[in-house]
Amino acid sequence: MPEVWMPQALQMDIGDHAPYDPGFPARAIAHITGDLEATAQAPLDLVPFANLKGFFTGSGRSKAPHILWDPFTGAFAQFFPATSRSRAVFDADGGFRPNRSGRVVLQVEALFFPHCRVNGQAYVRLVETPCKGWDVLNAWFSSWGIPNTWPMGRPTSLSRNTCPDEKWKSEGGWYAHAQVPENKHVDPGTWPKFPSQPSEPPPVGTQFEPFPGASFFQAGRRSPIIAAMHGRLVAEDCDRYTSSTGIDVWGPGDVRSYTAWQLKLGLEGSAADGIPGRFSWDRLGVPRV
């Protein structure tokens, strides 16, 4: 049986457990916390992860999801076991009871709102964040039989797209809060792509180059680390190089190829700019030189 409590999450059981309606397929529901209203002209600092943990274990217990996810740090907190419904969507009297309608209905709230500011940088869409931990989260959801599909399409904007009744009854997979019947919300706006198999962590015991920092990757930098990275990108079918010379020198071919790797991991926007970050670097598994 899959893990009832996500191993990587802080376990913060708030009680109030209740069963699912197993006549429906397994599904996931994606949310953003949307705590503050910011604009491009006036971005606001992201609400601390600890504040949201306190909310969902306190006054916000009646709105708690299974998982709170910080896409900037990869931190998780879990408020309900996977075997219990959570409370993050509205259930109409006599309706589908969307919190329950599935063999499982796992719900996750990403700590995010449009134009939030983290370390001085503003982010407009969730997919522009580092999305740290998304592969771990997705793997745990998948272990509960939730298919990596979006029956109503992966969300691309903050707008309603309500799922028809028959589709909700018959098709499992991932749904945006904006797509859930009986609800009016428009979140999450965007959501990262499903990870591909190469995003699995490298085998335990193998020696890899630690992340040297984004500032290491400057035009003209020569290093055996870059040559080793080159080899891994080629092995992962992310070869966007136009020359086989100078493989130890950072250049445009490295940027193109590393962008292909970031996209393969499901990263988008500024998180797929061709400059290595810790998350993508650790997943690439560059051999120690």
Protein backbone atom coordinates (compact mmCIF):
# COMPACT_ATOMS: atom_id res chain seq x y z
CA MET A 1 0.00 0.00 0.00
CA PRO A 2 1.31 3.52 -0.72
CA GLU A 3 2.45 5.76 2.11
CA VAL A 4 -0.55 7.33 3.87
CA TRP A 5 1.65 10.21 4.99
CA MET A 6 3.99 11.71 2.40
CA PRO A 7 7.48 10.90 3.75
CA GLN A 8 8.92 14.28 2.77
CA ALA A 9 6.12 16.30 4.44
CA LEU A 10 5.76 17.61 7.96
CA GLN A 11 2.92 15.57 9.47
CA MET A 12 0.37 17.95 11.01
CA ASP A 13 -2.77 15.84 11.37
CA ILE A 14 -5.75 18.12 12.12
CA GLY A 15 -8.21 15.25 12.60
CA ASP A 16 -11.71 15.52 11.10
CA HIS A 17 -11.10 12.46 8.94
CA ALA A 18 -13.86 11.22 6.61
CA PRO A 19 -14.04 8.58 3.85
CA TYR A 20 -14.09 8.99 0.08
CA ASP A 21 -16.85 8.03 -2.38
CA PRO A 22 -14.98 5.18 -4.13
CA GLY A 23 -17.44 4.94 -7.04
CA PHE A 24 -15.47 7.73 -8.75
CA PRO A 25 -11.93 7.52 -10.26
CA ALA A 26 -8.81 8.65 -8.40
CA ARG A 27 -8.06 12.33 -8.86
CA ALA A 28 -5.95 15.26 -7.68
CA ILE A 29 -7.00 18.89 -7.29
CA ALA A 30 -4.45 21.70 -7.68
CA HIS A 31 -4.72 25.07 -5.92
CA ILE A 32 -2.64 28.13 -5.12
CA THR A 33 -2.96 29.76 -1.71
CA GLY A 34 -3.59 33.20 -3.33
CA ASP A 35 -3.16 34.96 0.02
CA LEU A 36 -2.52 38.54 -1.14
CA GLU A 37 -3.58 40.72 -4.07
CA ALA A 38 -0.47 42.13 -5.70
CA THR A 39 0.16 43.78 -9.07
CA ALA A 40 3.04 44.18 -11.48
CA GLN A 41 3.42 47.76 -10.23
CA ALA A 42 3.17 46.71 -6.57
CA PRO A 43 4.47 43.16 -5.95
CA LEU A 44 4.22 41.84 -2.38
CA ASP A 45 6.45 39.52 -0.38
CA LEU A 46 5.38 35.88 -0.34
CA VAL A 47 3.54 34.89 2.83
CA PRO A 48 5.84 32.71 4.99
CA PHE A 49 5.30 28.96 4.84
CA ALA A 50 4.94 28.89 8.64
CA ASN A 51 2.01 31.32 8.45
CA LEU A 52 0.07 29.03 6.13
CA LYS A 53 0.84 26.00 8.29
CA GLY A 54 -0.58 27.92 11.23
CA PHE A 55 -3.66 28.91 9.23
CA PHE A 56 -4.49 25.36 8.12
CA THR A 57 -4.01 23.99 11.61
CA GLY A 58 -5.95 26.88 13.17
CA SER A 59 -8.69 29.13 11.83
CA GLY A 60 -8.42 27.67 8.33
CA ARG A 61 -8.94 24.03 9.31
CA SER A 62 -12.23 23.93 7.43
CA LYS A 63 -10.39 24.82 4.20
CA ALA A 64 -7.30 22.64 4.58
CA PRO A 65 -5.92 20.53 1.70
CA HIS A 66 -3.92 17.37 2.10
CA ILE A 67 -0.64 19.06 1.19
CA LEU A 68 0.77 22.58 1.46
CA TRP A 69 3.71 22.90 -0.97
CA ASP A 70 6.32 25.66 -1.10
CA PRO A 71 7.58 25.68 -4.73
CA PHE A 72 10.47 27.97 -3.80
CA THR A 73 12.04 25.67 -1.18
CA GLY A 74 10.46 22.26 -1.79
CA ALA A 75 8.96 22.18 1.72
CA PHE A 76 5.71 20.29 2.40
CA ALA A 77 3.20 20.04 5.24
CA GLN A 78 0.38 17.46 5.33
CA PHE A 79 -2.88 17.98 7.23
CA PHE A 80 -4.94 14.89 6.30
CA PRO A 81 -3.86 11.32 5.59
CA ALA A 82 -4.25 10.19 1.99
CA THR A 83 -7.05 7.86 3.12
CA SER A 84 -9.26 10.78 4.24
CA ARG A 85 -10.95 13.49 2.23
CA SER A 86 -9.63 17.01 2.79
CA ARG A 87 -11.63 20.26 2.86
CA ALA A 88 -10.08 22.53 0.20
CA VAL A 89 -13.04 22.74 -2.21
CA PHE A 90 -16.70 23.58 -1.69
CA ASP A 91 -19.21 20.71 -1.42
CA ALA A 92 -22.77 21.64 -2.40
CA ASP A 93 -25.60 19.96 -0.50
CA GLY A 94 -26.85 17.01 -2.52
CA GLY A 95 -24.10 17.41 -5.13
CA PHE A 96 -20.97 15.48 -6.11
CA ARG A 97 -19.13 16.24 -2.86
CA PRO A 98 -15.92 17.02 -4.83
CA ASN A 99 -13.76 16.65 -1.72
CA ARG A 100 -14.80 12.99 -1.60
CA SER A 101 -15.71 11.93 -5.15
CA GLY A 102 -12.91 9.51 -6.00
CA ARG A 103 -11.08 6.43 -4.80
CA VAL A 104 -8.79 9.18 -3.53
CA VAL A 105 -9.09 12.95 -4.01
CA LEU A 106 -5.67 14.30 -3.06
CA GLN A 107 -5.49 18.09 -2.89
CA VAL A 108 -2.43 20.33 -2.90
CA GLU A 109 -2.10 24.08 -2.36
CA ALA A 110 1.02 25.70 -3.75
CA LEU A 111 2.26 28.61 -1.66
CA PHE A 112 1.91 31.27 -4.35
CA PHE A 113 -0.01 34.30 -5.54
CA PRO A 114 0.53 36.31 -8.76
CA HIS A 115 3.20 39.02 -8.43
CA CYS A 116 4.58 37.56 -5.22
CA ARG A 117 8.14 38.58 -4.41
CA VAL A 118 10.85 36.21 -3.20
CA ASN A 119 14.43 37.34 -2.59
CA GLY A 120 13.71 40.55 -4.49
CA GLN A 121 12.30 38.84 -7.59
CA ALA A 122 8.61 38.98 -8.53
CA TYR A 123 6.83 35.98 -10.04
CA VAL A 124 3.66 36.28 -12.13
CA ARG A 125 2.84 32.59 -12.69
CA LEU A 126 3.44 29.47 -10.65
CA VAL A 127 5.37 27.83 -13.49
CA GLU A 128 7.93 30.64 -13.32
CA THR A 129 8.95 29.60 -9.79
CA PRO A 130 11.66 26.97 -9.25
CA CYS A 131 8.86 24.39 -8.64
CA LYS A 132 11.20 22.64 -6.20
CA GLY A 133 9.83 19.32 -5.01
CA TRP A 134 7.25 18.98 -7.78
CA ASP A 135 8.72 15.65 -8.91
CA VAL A 136 8.55 14.32 -5.34
CA LEU A 137 4.98 15.52 -4.89
CA ASN A 138 3.86 14.11 -8.23
CA ALA A 139 5.44 10.73 -7.47
CA TRP A 140 3.53 10.47 -4.18
CA PHE A 141 0.23 11.41 -5.85
CA SER A 142 0.92 8.87 -8.62
CA SER A 143 1.54 6.15 -6.04
CA TRP A 144 -2.15 6.48 -5.12
CA GLY A 145 -3.23 5.65 -8.67
CA ILE A 146 -3.81 9.20 -9.91
CA PRO A 147 -2.95 9.30 -13.63
CA ASN A 148 -0.75 12.06 -15.02
CA THR A 149 -3.48 13.55 -17.20
CA TRP A 150 -5.54 16.75 -17.19
CA PRO A 151 -9.04 15.73 -18.40
CA MET A 152 -9.96 19.42 -18.78
CA GLY A 153 -6.50 20.50 -19.95
CA ARG A 154 -3.57 21.82 -17.93
CA PRO A 155 -4.49 25.29 -16.59
CA THR A 156 -2.99 28.26 -18.40
CA SER A 157 -4.85 31.24 -16.93
CA LEU A 158 -6.88 32.41 -13.95
CA SER A 159 -10.30 31.63 -15.40
CA ARG A 160 -13.21 29.22 -14.87
CA ASN A 161 -13.49 26.09 -17.00
CA THR A 162 -15.99 23.94 -15.12
CA CYS A 163 -15.82 20.22 -15.77
CA PRO A 164 -19.03 18.70 -17.21
CA ASP A 165 -20.78 16.30 -14.84
CA GLU A 166 -20.21 13.16 -16.92
CA LYS A 167 -16.50 13.83 -17.35
CA TRP A 168 -16.11 14.40 -13.61
CA LYS A 169 -17.88 11.12 -12.90
CA SER A 170 -15.81 9.07 -15.35
CA GLU A 171 -12.32 10.55 -15.76
CA GLY A 172 -9.60 10.56 -13.14
CA GLY A 173 -6.42 12.59 -13.19
CA TRP A 174 -5.47 16.15 -12.29
CA TYR A 175 -8.00 18.98 -12.07
CA ALA A 176 -7.50 22.66 -11.38
CA HIS A 177 -9.67 24.19 -8.66
CA ALA A 178 -11.02 26.30 -11.55
CA GLN A 179 -12.36 23.11 -13.14
CA VAL A 180 -14.06 21.51 -10.13
CA PRO A 181 -17.87 21.30 -10.27
CA GLU A 182 -19.88 23.24 -7.66
CA ASN A 183 -17.01 25.71 -7.18
CA LYS A 184 -16.34 29.26 -8.40
CA HIS A 185 -12.59 29.68 -7.93
CA VAL A 186 -10.24 30.41 -10.86
CA ASP A 187 -6.94 29.12 -9.44
CA PRO A 188 -4.21 27.92 -9.82
CA GLY A 189 -3.70 29.77 -13.12
CA THR A 190 -0.81 27.55 -14.22
CA TRP A 191 0.74 24.30 -13.06
CA PRO A 192 4.08 22.63 -13.90
CA LYS A 193 4.31 19.87 -16.49
CA PHE A 194 4.42 16.29 -15.29
CA PRO A 195 7.98 15.15 -14.63
CA SER A 196 9.53 12.66 -17.04
CA GLN A 197 11.43 9.58 -16.00
CA PRO A 198 14.90 11.22 -16.22
CA SER A 199 13.89 13.52 -13.33
CA GLU A 200 14.37 10.65 -10.87
CA PRO A 201 17.24 11.29 -8.41
CA PRO A 202 20.56 9.70 -9.35
CA PRO A 203 21.40 6.30 -7.77
CA VAL A 204 22.51 6.40 -4.15
CA GLY A 205 26.25 6.00 -3.64
CA THR A 206 27.36 7.56 -6.93
CA GLN A 207 29.67 10.57 -6.67
CA PHE A 208 28.38 13.73 -8.35
CA GLU A 209 29.55 17.29 -8.77
CA PRO A 210 27.87 19.59 -6.24
CA PHE A 211 26.03 22.57 -7.67
CA PRO A 212 28.70 25.25 -8.27
CA GLY A 213 26.23 28.15 -8.19
CA ALA A 214 24.54 29.98 -11.05
CA SER A 215 27.33 32.57 -11.22
CA PHE A 216 29.77 29.80 -12.25
CA PHE A 217 28.11 29.57 -15.67
CA GLN A 218 29.57 32.61 -17.42
CA ALA A 219 30.34 32.90 -21.14
CA GLY A 220 33.85 31.61 -21.85
CA ARG A 221 34.22 29.76 -18.54
CA ARG A 222 36.45 26.71 -19.10
CA SER A 223 36.14 23.76 -16.71
CA PRO A 224 36.03 19.96 -16.72
CA ILE A 225 32.72 20.33 -14.85
CA ILE A 226 31.21 21.88 -17.99
CA ALA A 227 32.54 19.02 -20.11
CA ALA A 228 31.00 16.49 -17.70
CA MET A 229 27.70 18.38 -17.81
CA HIS A 230 27.87 18.35 -21.61
CA GLY A 231 28.11 14.57 -21.56
CA ARG A 232 25.10 14.19 -19.29
CA LEU A 233 22.96 16.53 -21.41
CA VAL A 234 23.78 14.50 -24.51
CA ALA A 235 22.95 11.27 -22.64
CA GLU A 236 19.57 12.72 -21.63
CA ASP A 237 18.74 13.49 -25.29
CA CYS A 238 19.06 17.23 -24.64
CA ASP A 239 21.81 17.76 -27.22
CA ARG A 240 21.26 21.16 -28.78
CA TYR A 241 24.94 21.68 -29.60
CA THR A 242 26.09 22.66 -33.09
CA SER A 243 29.76 21.76 -32.57
CA SER A 244 31.71 18.97 -30.88
CA THR A 245 34.66 21.23 -30.05
CA GLY A 246 35.21 23.26 -26.89
CA ILE A 247 32.93 21.05 -24.83
CA ASP A 248 34.60 22.29 -21.63
CA VAL A 249 33.77 25.97 -22.38
CA TRP A 250 30.40 27.45 -21.42
CA GLY A 251 28.66 28.88 -24.48
CA PRO A 252 25.37 29.22 -26.38
CA GLY A 253 25.14 25.49 -27.06
CA ASP A 254 25.22 24.83 -23.33
CA VAL A 255 22.42 27.34 -22.74
CA ARG A 256 20.24 25.74 -25.44
CA SER A 257 20.94 22.21 -24.22
CA TYR A 258 20.40 23.04 -20.56
CA THR A 259 17.12 24.75 -21.44
CA ALA A 260 16.03 21.49 -23.08
CA TRP A 261 16.88 19.67 -19.83
CA GLN A 262 14.91 22.16 -17.72
CA LEU A 263 11.89 21.79 -20.02
CA LYS A 264 12.20 18.02 -19.76
CA LEU A 265 11.90 18.36 -15.99
CA GLY A 266 8.66 20.33 -16.44
CA LEU A 267 10.13 23.75 -15.66
CA GLU A 268 8.89 26.77 -17.61
CA GLY A 269 9.33 30.52 -17.94
CA SER A 270 12.28 32.01 -16.08
CA ALA A 271 12.92 28.61 -14.47
CA ALA A 272 13.90 27.28 -17.94
CA ASP A 273 16.38 29.98 -18.97
CA GLY A 274 19.32 27.66 -19.68
CA ILE A 275 21.25 28.62 -16.52
CA PRO A 276 21.61 25.70 -14.10
CA GLY A 277 19.82 25.91 -10.76
CA ARG A 278 20.28 23.57 -7.82
CA PHE A 279 17.11 21.55 -8.47
CA SER A 280 17.85 20.81 -12.14
CA TRP A 281 21.58 20.31 -11.49
CA ASP A 282 20.98 17.75 -8.76
CA ARG A 283 18.56 15.87 -11.05
CA LEU A 284 21.09 15.84 -13.92
CA GLY A 285 23.67 13.94 -11.86
CA VAL A 286 26.94 15.32 -13.29
CA PRO A 287 29.77 12.89 -12.44
CA ARG A 288 32.46 14.23 -10.14
CA VAL A 289 35.61 15.28 -12.03
